[in-house]
C-alpha atoms as a PDB file:
ATOM      1  CA  MET A   1     121.798 143.912 152.606  1.00  0.00           C
ATOM      2  CA  ASN A   2     122.298 146.675 150.052  1.00  0.00           C
ATOM      3  CA  THR A   3     119.570 149.304 150.121  1.00  0.00           C
ATOM      4  CA  ARG A   4     121.080 152.037 147.979  1.00  0.00           C
ATOM      5  CA  ASP A   5     119.539 152.554 144.543  1.00  0.00           C
ATOM      6  CA  GLU A   6     122.116 151.453 141.971  1.00  0.00           C
ATOM      7  CA  THR A   7     120.648 153.955 139.478  1.00  0.00           C
ATOM      8  CA  ALA A   8     122.189 156.692 141.630  1.00  0.00           C
ATOM      9  CA  MET A   9     125.647 155.871 140.264  1.00  0.00           C
ATOM     10  CA  PRO A  10     127.630 159.092 139.668  1.00  0.00           C
ATOM     11  CA  ASP A  11     127.834 160.466 136.142  1.00  0.00           C
ATOM     12  CA  MET A  12     129.196 163.997 136.611  1.00  0.00           C
ATOM     13  CA  PHE A  13     132.531 163.307 134.920  1.00  0.00           C
ATOM     14  CA  VAL A  14     131.171 163.424 131.365  1.00  0.00           C
ATOM     15  CA  GLU A  15     129.868 166.978 131.704  1.00  0.00           C
ATOM     16  CA  LEU A  16     132.747 168.289 133.807  1.00  0.00           C
ATOM     17  CA  SER A  17     135.438 166.804 131.577  1.00  0.00           C
ATOM     18  CA  GLN A  18     133.859 168.462 128.534  1.00  0.00           C
ATOM     19  CA  LYS A  19     133.878 171.796 130.344  1.00  0.00           C
ATOM     20  CA  ALA A  20     137.547 171.273 131.221  1.00  0.00           C
ATOM     21  CA  LEU A  21     138.381 170.499 127.579  1.00  0.00           C
ATOM     22  CA  ASP A  22     136.504 173.602 126.441  1.00  0.00           C
ATOM     23  CA  MET A  23     138.408 175.694 128.975  1.00  0.00           C
ATOM     24  CA  MET A  24     141.709 174.304 127.764  1.00  0.00           C
ATOM     25  CA  ASN A  25     140.770 175.283 124.225  1.00  0.00           C
ATOM     26  CA  ARG A  26     139.929 178.846 125.278  1.00  0.00           C
ATOM     27  CA  VAL A  27     143.102 179.275 127.325  1.00  0.00           C
ATOM     28  CA  ARG A  28     145.074 178.061 124.312  1.00  0.00           C
ATOM     29  CA  GLU A  29     143.567 180.900 122.280  1.00  0.00           C
ATOM     30  CA  ALA A  30     144.564 183.439 124.936  1.00  0.00           C
ATOM     31  CA  LEU A  31     148.102 182.065 125.142  1.00  0.00           C
ATOM     32  CA  PHE A  32     148.747 181.891 121.413  1.00  0.00           C
ATOM     33  CA  THR A  33     147.495 185.454 120.902  1.00  0.00           C
ATOM     34  CA  LEU A  34     148.633 186.900 124.264  1.00  0.00           C
ATOM     35  CA  ASN A  35     145.115 188.278 124.642  1.00  0.00           C
ATOM     36  CA  SER A  36     145.064 189.961 128.051  1.00  0.00           C
ATOM     37  CA  PRO A  37     141.306 190.805 128.232  1.00  0.00           C
ATOM     38  CA  LEU A  38     140.456 187.224 127.290  1.00  0.00           C
ATOM     39  CA  ALA A  39     142.928 185.912 129.853  1.00  0.00           C
ATOM     40  CA  LEU A  40     141.265 187.980 132.588  1.00  0.00           C
ATOM     41  CA  ARG A  41     137.829 186.617 131.686  1.00  0.00           C
ATOM     42  CA  LEU A  42     139.177 183.073 131.621  1.00  0.00           C
ATOM     43  CA  ASN A  43     140.757 183.591 135.033  1.00  0.00           C
ATOM     44  CA  ALA A  44     137.287 184.233 136.443  1.00  0.00           C
ATOM     45  CA  ASN A  45     135.763 181.400 134.383  1.00  0.00           C
ATOM     46  CA  CYS A  46     138.370 178.961 135.710  1.00  0.00           C
ATOM     47  CA  ASP A  47     137.583 180.045 139.248  1.00  0.00           C
ATOM     48  CA  THR A  48     133.876 179.346 138.690  1.00  0.00           C
ATOM     49  CA  LEU A  49     134.503 175.982 137.049  1.00  0.00           C
ATOM     50  CA  GLY A  50     136.959 175.032 139.768  1.00  0.00           C
ATOM     51  CA  ARG A  51     134.287 175.594 142.401  1.00  0.00           C
ATOM     52  CA  GLU A  52     131.798 173.519 140.416  1.00  0.00           C
ATOM     53  CA  ILE A  53     134.248 170.630 140.198  1.00  0.00           C
ATOM     54  CA  SER A  54     135.086 170.892 143.913  1.00  0.00           C
ATOM     55  CA  LYS A  55     131.381 170.642 144.759  1.00  0.00           C
ATOM     56  CA  ALA A  56     131.072 167.528 142.602  1.00  0.00           C
ATOM     57  CA  GLU A  57     134.069 165.934 144.342  1.00  0.00           C
ATOM     58  CA  ALA A  58     132.639 166.826 147.744  1.00  0.00           C
ATOM     59  CA  LYS A  59     129.276 165.328 146.769  1.00  0.00           C
ATOM     60  CA  CYS A  60     130.927 162.029 145.872  1.00  0.00           C
ATOM     61  CA  ASN A  61     132.827 161.952 149.158  1.00  0.00           C
ATOM     62  CA  ALA A  62     129.636 162.740 151.072  1.00  0.00           C
ATOM     63  CA  GLU A  63     127.818 159.885 149.331  1.00  0.00           C
ATOM     64  CA  LEU A  64     130.627 157.537 150.319  1.00  0.00           C
ATOM     65  CA  MET A  65     130.366 158.562 153.967  1.00  0.00           C
ATOM     66  CA  VAL A  66     126.572 158.282 154.085  1.00  0.00           C
ATOM     67  CA  GLY A  67     126.535 155.024 152.120  1.00  0.00           C
ATOM     68  CA  THR A  68     129.038 153.125 154.257  1.00  0.00           C
ATOM     69  CA  GLY A  69     127.671 149.652 154.921  1.00  0.00           C
ATOM     70  CA  ILE A  70     124.647 149.981 152.629  1.00  0.00           C
ATOM     71  CA  MET A  71     126.397 150.616 149.321  1.00  0.00           C
ATOM     72  CA  SER A  72     127.481 147.807 147.023  1.00  0.00           C
ATOM     73  CA  SER A  73     131.177 147.441 146.276  1.00  0.00           C
ATOM     74  CA  ALA A  74     130.556 148.383 142.626  1.00  0.00           C
ATOM     75  CA  MET A  75     128.725 151.534 143.597  1.00  0.00           C
ATOM     76  CA  ARG A  76     131.362 152.443 146.175  1.00  0.00           C
ATOM     77  CA  LEU A  77     134.088 152.022 143.557  1.00  0.00           C
ATOM     78  CA  ALA A  78     132.129 154.220 141.145  1.00  0.00           C
ATOM     79  CA  PHE A  79     131.922 157.051 143.680  1.00  0.00           C
ATOM     80  CA  VAL A  80     135.605 156.722 144.610  1.00  0.00           C
ATOM     81  CA  ARG A  81     136.617 156.891 140.970  1.00  0.00           C
ATOM     82  CA  GLU A  82     134.314 159.842 140.321  1.00  0.00           C
ATOM     83  CA  ALA A  83     135.776 161.743 143.274  1.00  0.00           C
ATOM     84  CA  GLN A  84     139.306 160.969 142.090  1.00  0.00           C
ATOM     85  CA  ARG A  85     138.556 162.104 138.549  1.00  0.00           C
ATOM     86  CA  CYS A  86     136.919 165.311 139.753  1.00  0.00           C
ATOM     87  CA  GLY A  87     139.978 165.978 141.898  1.00  0.00           C
ATOM     88  CA  ARG A  88     142.264 165.659 138.865  1.00  0.00           C
ATOM     89  CA  LEU A  89     140.035 167.875 136.747  1.00  0.00           C
ATOM     90  CA  GLY A  90     140.114 170.461 139.519  1.00  0.00           C
ATOM     91  CA  ARG A  91     143.915 170.455 139.525  1.00  0.00           C
ATOM     92  CA  ILE A  92     143.959 170.893 135.753  1.00  0.00           C
ATOM     93  CA  ILE A  93     141.619 173.888 135.996  1.00  0.00           C
ATOM     94  CA  HIS A  94     143.894 175.351 138.678  1.00  0.00           C
ATOM     95  CA  GLN A  95     146.821 175.146 136.266  1.00  0.00           C
ATOM     96  CA  LEU A  96     144.768 176.720 133.472  1.00  0.00           C
ATOM     97  CA  ARG A  97     143.868 179.571 135.817  1.00  0.00           C
ATOM     98  CA  SER A  98     147.562 180.042 136.572  1.00  0.00           C
ATOM     99  CA  ILE A  99     148.325 180.214 132.840  1.00  0.00           C
ATOM    100  CA  ALA A 100     145.577 182.793 132.301  1.00  0.00           C
ATOM    101  CA  THR A 101     146.940 184.908 135.155  1.00  0.00           C
ATOM    102  CA  CYS A 102     150.452 184.783 133.729  1.00  0.00           C
ATOM    103  CA  ILE A 103     149.254 185.648 130.225  1.00  0.00           C
ATOM    104  CA  HIS A 104     147.850 188.863 131.663  1.00  0.00           C
ATOM    105  CA  GLU A 105     151.175 189.507 133.416  1.00  0.00           C
ATOM    106  CA  VAL A 106     153.309 189.173 130.273  1.00  0.00           C
ATOM    107  CA  SER A 107     150.902 190.806 127.824  1.00  0.00           C
ATOM    108  CA  GLY A 108     152.565 193.847 126.268  1.00  0.00           C
ATOM    109  CA  LYS A 109     155.992 192.743 127.476  1.00  0.00           C
ATOM    110  CA  VAL A 110     156.591 189.821 125.142  1.00  0.00           C
ATOM    111  CA  THR A 111     155.458 188.995 121.629  1.00  0.00           C
ATOM    112  CA  ALA A 112     153.726 185.938 120.202  1.00  0.00           C
ATOM    113  CA  GLU A 113     157.119 184.920 118.846  1.00  0.00           C
ATOM    114  CA  ASP A 114     158.500 184.784 122.401  1.00  0.00           C
ATOM    115  CA  VAL A 115     155.921 182.139 123.384  1.00  0.00           C
ATOM    116  CA  ALA A 116     155.932 180.274 120.058  1.00  0.00           C
ATOM    117  CA  ALA A 117     157.961 177.442 121.583  1.00  0.00           C
ATOM    118  CA  PHE A 118     155.181 176.894 124.140  1.00  0.00           C
ATOM    119  CA  LYS A 119     152.646 176.018 121.441  1.00  0.00           C
ATOM    120  CA  PRO A 120     153.691 172.414 120.727  1.00  0.00           C
ATOM    121  CA  LEU A 121     153.944 171.718 124.466  1.00  0.00           C
ATOM    122  CA  TYR A 122     150.489 173.113 125.123  1.00  0.00           C
ATOM    123  CA  LEU A 123     149.031 171.146 122.223  1.00  0.00           C
ATOM    124  CA  MET A 124     150.644 167.971 123.566  1.00  0.00           C
ATOM    125  CA  ALA A 125     149.119 168.561 126.997  1.00  0.00           C
ATOM    126  CA  GLU A 126     145.758 169.240 125.375  1.00  0.00           C
ATOM    127  CA  VAL A 127     145.906 165.976 123.430  1.00  0.00           C
ATOM    128  CA  GLN A 128     146.866 164.170 126.647  1.00  0.00           C
ATOM    129  CA  LEU A 129     143.775 165.502 128.388  1.00  0.00           C
ATOM    130  CA  LYS A 130     141.515 164.617 125.455  1.00  0.00           C
ATOM    131  CA  ASP A 131     142.913 161.091 125.277  1.00  0.00           C
ATOM    132  CA  ALA A 132     142.711 160.668 129.052  1.00  0.00           C
ATOM    133  CA  VAL A 133     139.009 161.559 128.976  1.00  0.00           C
ATOM    134  CA  LEU A 134     138.358 159.322 125.961  1.00  0.00           C
ATOM    135  CA  SER A 135     140.207 156.414 127.575  1.00  0.00           C
ATOM    136  CA  ILE A 136     137.828 156.645 130.517  1.00  0.00           C
ATOM    137  CA  LEU A 137     134.657 157.067 128.481  1.00  0.00           C
ATOM    138  CA  ARG A 138     135.603 154.187 126.165  1.00  0.00           C
ATOM    139  CA  GLY A 139     137.199 151.988 128.819  1.00  0.00           C
ATOM    140  CA  ASP A 140     140.330 151.906 126.648  1.00  0.00           C
ATOM    141  CA  GLU A 141     143.344 150.907 128.751  1.00  0.00           C
ATOM    142  CA  LYS A 142     145.699 151.016 125.751  1.00  0.00           C
ATOM    143  CA  MET A 143     144.805 154.648 125.148  1.00  0.00           C
ATOM    144  CA  ALA A 144     145.367 155.401 128.831  1.00  0.00           C
ATOM    145  CA  TYR A 145     148.929 154.118 128.654  1.00  0.00           C
ATOM    146  CA  GLY A 146     149.397 156.117 125.462  1.00  0.00           C
ATOM    147  CA  VAL A 147     148.763 159.200 127.611  1.00  0.00           C
ATOM    148  CA  GLN A 148     151.596 158.093 129.865  1.00  0.00           C
ATOM    149  CA  ARG A 149     153.988 157.807 126.911  1.00  0.00           C
ATOM    150  CA  MET A 150     152.986 161.263 125.682  1.00  0.00           C
ATOM    151  CA  ASP A 151     153.694 162.654 129.133  1.00  0.00           C
ATOM    152  CA  ASP A 152     157.250 161.302 129.040  1.00  0.00           C
ATOM    153  CA  ASP A 153     157.791 163.214 125.781  1.00  0.00           C
ATOM    154  CA  LEU A 154     156.214 166.361 127.221  1.00  0.00           C
ATOM    155  CA  ASP A 155     158.454 166.191 130.289  1.00  0.00           C
ATOM    156  CA  ALA A 156     161.574 166.011 128.109  1.00  0.00           C
ATOM    157  CA  ARG A 157     160.478 168.982 126.007  1.00  0.00           C
ATOM    158  CA  TYR A 158     159.545 170.919 129.142  1.00  0.00           C
ATOM    159  CA  LEU A 159     163.056 170.565 130.573  1.00  0.00           C
ATOM    160  CA  GLN A 160     164.603 171.686 127.312  1.00  0.00           C
ATOM    161  CA  GLU A 161     162.388 174.743 126.997  1.00  0.00           C
ATOM    162  CA  MET A 162     162.921 175.673 130.641  1.00  0.00           C
ATOM    163  CA  GLU A 163     166.672 175.763 129.991  1.00  0.00           C
ATOM    164  CA  ASN A 164     166.050 178.017 127.001  1.00  0.00           C
ATOM    165  CA  ILE A 165     164.076 180.487 129.105  1.00  0.00           C
ATOM    166  CA  TYR A 166     166.807 180.610 131.749  1.00  0.00           C
ATOM    167  CA  ARG A 167     169.353 181.259 129.017  1.00  0.00           C
ATOM    168  CA  GLN A 168     167.271 183.998 127.451  1.00  0.00           C
ATOM    169  CA  ALA A 169     166.689 185.630 130.818  1.00  0.00           C
ATOM    170  CA  ALA A 170     170.432 185.613 131.469  1.00  0.00           C
ATOM    171  CA  ASP A 171     170.886 187.389 128.147  1.00  0.00           C
ATOM    172  CA  SER A 172     168.480 190.109 129.340  1.00  0.00           C
ATOM    173  CA  MET A 173     165.906 189.212 126.706  1.00  0.00           C
ATOM    174  CA  PHE A 174     163.070 189.991 129.096  1.00  0.00           C
ATOM    175  CA  LEU A 175     162.225 193.446 130.339  1.00  0.00           C
ATOM    176  CA  ASP A 176     162.153 192.355 133.970  1.00  0.00           C
ATOM    177  CA  PHE A 177     162.517 189.379 136.258  1.00  0.00           C
ATOM    178  CA  ARG A 178     158.758 189.146 136.786  1.00  0.00           C
ATOM    179  CA  THR A 179     158.162 188.595 133.073  1.00  0.00           C
ATOM    180  CA  GLY A 180     160.638 185.738 132.913  1.00  0.00           C
ATOM    181  CA  THR A 181     159.129 184.204 136.030  1.00  0.00           C
ATOM    182  CA  SER A 182     155.632 184.400 134.564  1.00  0.00           C
ATOM    183  CA  LEU A 183     156.805 182.595 131.430  1.00  0.00           C
ATOM    184  CA  LEU A 184     158.360 179.884 133.586  1.00  0.00           C
ATOM    185  CA  PHE A 185     155.077 179.541 135.468  1.00  0.00           C
ATOM    186  CA  ILE A 186     153.202 179.115 132.177  1.00  0.00           C
ATOM    187  CA  LEU A 187     155.629 176.433 131.098  1.00  0.00           C
ATOM    188  CA  ARG A 188     155.423 174.679 134.449  1.00  0.00           C
ATOM    189  CA  SER A 189     151.618 174.737 134.397  1.00  0.00           C
ATOM    190  CA  ILE A 190     151.570 173.140 130.938  1.00  0.00           C
ATOM    191  CA  GLU A 191     153.822 170.360 132.216  1.00  0.00           C
ATOM    192  CA  ARG A 192     151.621 169.856 135.277  1.00  0.00           C
ATOM    193  CA  ILE A 193     148.491 169.566 133.101  1.00  0.00           C
ATOM    194  CA  GLY A 194     150.192 166.685 131.308  1.00  0.00           C
ATOM    195  CA  ASP A 195     151.006 165.054 134.640  1.00  0.00           C
ATOM    196  CA  HIS A 196     147.426 165.377 135.866  1.00  0.00           C
ATOM    197  CA  ALA A 197     146.077 164.018 132.573  1.00  0.00           C
ATOM    198  CA  LYS A 198     148.299 160.971 132.999  1.00  0.00           C
ATOM    199  CA  GLN A 199     147.145 160.491 136.579  1.00  0.00           C
ATOM    200  CA  LEU A 200     143.553 160.916 135.437  1.00  0.00           C
ATOM    201  CA  ALA A 201     143.863 158.111 132.908  1.00  0.00           C
ATOM    202  CA  ILE A 202     146.106 155.445 134.428  1.00  0.00           C
ATOM    203  CA  PRO A 203     144.596 154.853 137.911  1.00  0.00           C
ATOM    204  CA  SER A 204     141.104 154.567 136.445  1.00  0.00           C
ATOM    205  CA  PHE A 205     141.865 151.012 135.376  1.00  0.00           C
ATOM    206  CA  HIS A 206     143.432 149.809 138.630  1.00  0.00           C
ATOM    207  CA  LEU A 207     141.822 151.699 141.517  1.00  0.00           C
ATOM    208  CA  LEU A 208     140.567 149.310 144.194  1.00  0.00           C
ATOM    209  CA  GLU A 209     140.821 146.277 141.942  1.00  0.00           C
ATOM    210  CA  ARG A 210     142.990 144.348 144.363  1.00  0.00           C
END
């Protein structure tokens, strides 16, 4: 017999996803302007938000352990999905923190023109995250698969831009190896955000349905 109160269904994703979207917007500002002081503040902000998301994920997992045998299948699925979504948000915040760290590393060594090619990729990843969140909140499976298609495009652009950075580094465009590496890390983190956004959206419609 189920004894758990069904009103205790998890609802942390709405608030945490909005915080993640806000953080992505702020990191975009730091990247596009190569604002080192802002990047340092965002590094700390990402660390704080990451801990908040980890606590939410841990809370869901704890509820699942305590509720074994007395939790309805619908409620169990809700907690599993919430834990999964928090995990993905946490990975996205980790990548944003990496971008903020690298912005601080390259500030003063490159110009906004040097990272101009990153802008469309970052904006694509940002749209992916927004659409992934909306697909979940609206229960829109078509939108979720649209995120997957956007990620395929982002991956192709990522590979092209990575080749450009290697070529520029070989031409001694950068002042040092560390600067080129930091730019590659920024690019890689943008690509990973797109991947996590895709994984946030798609499994939400199939997890534990079999």
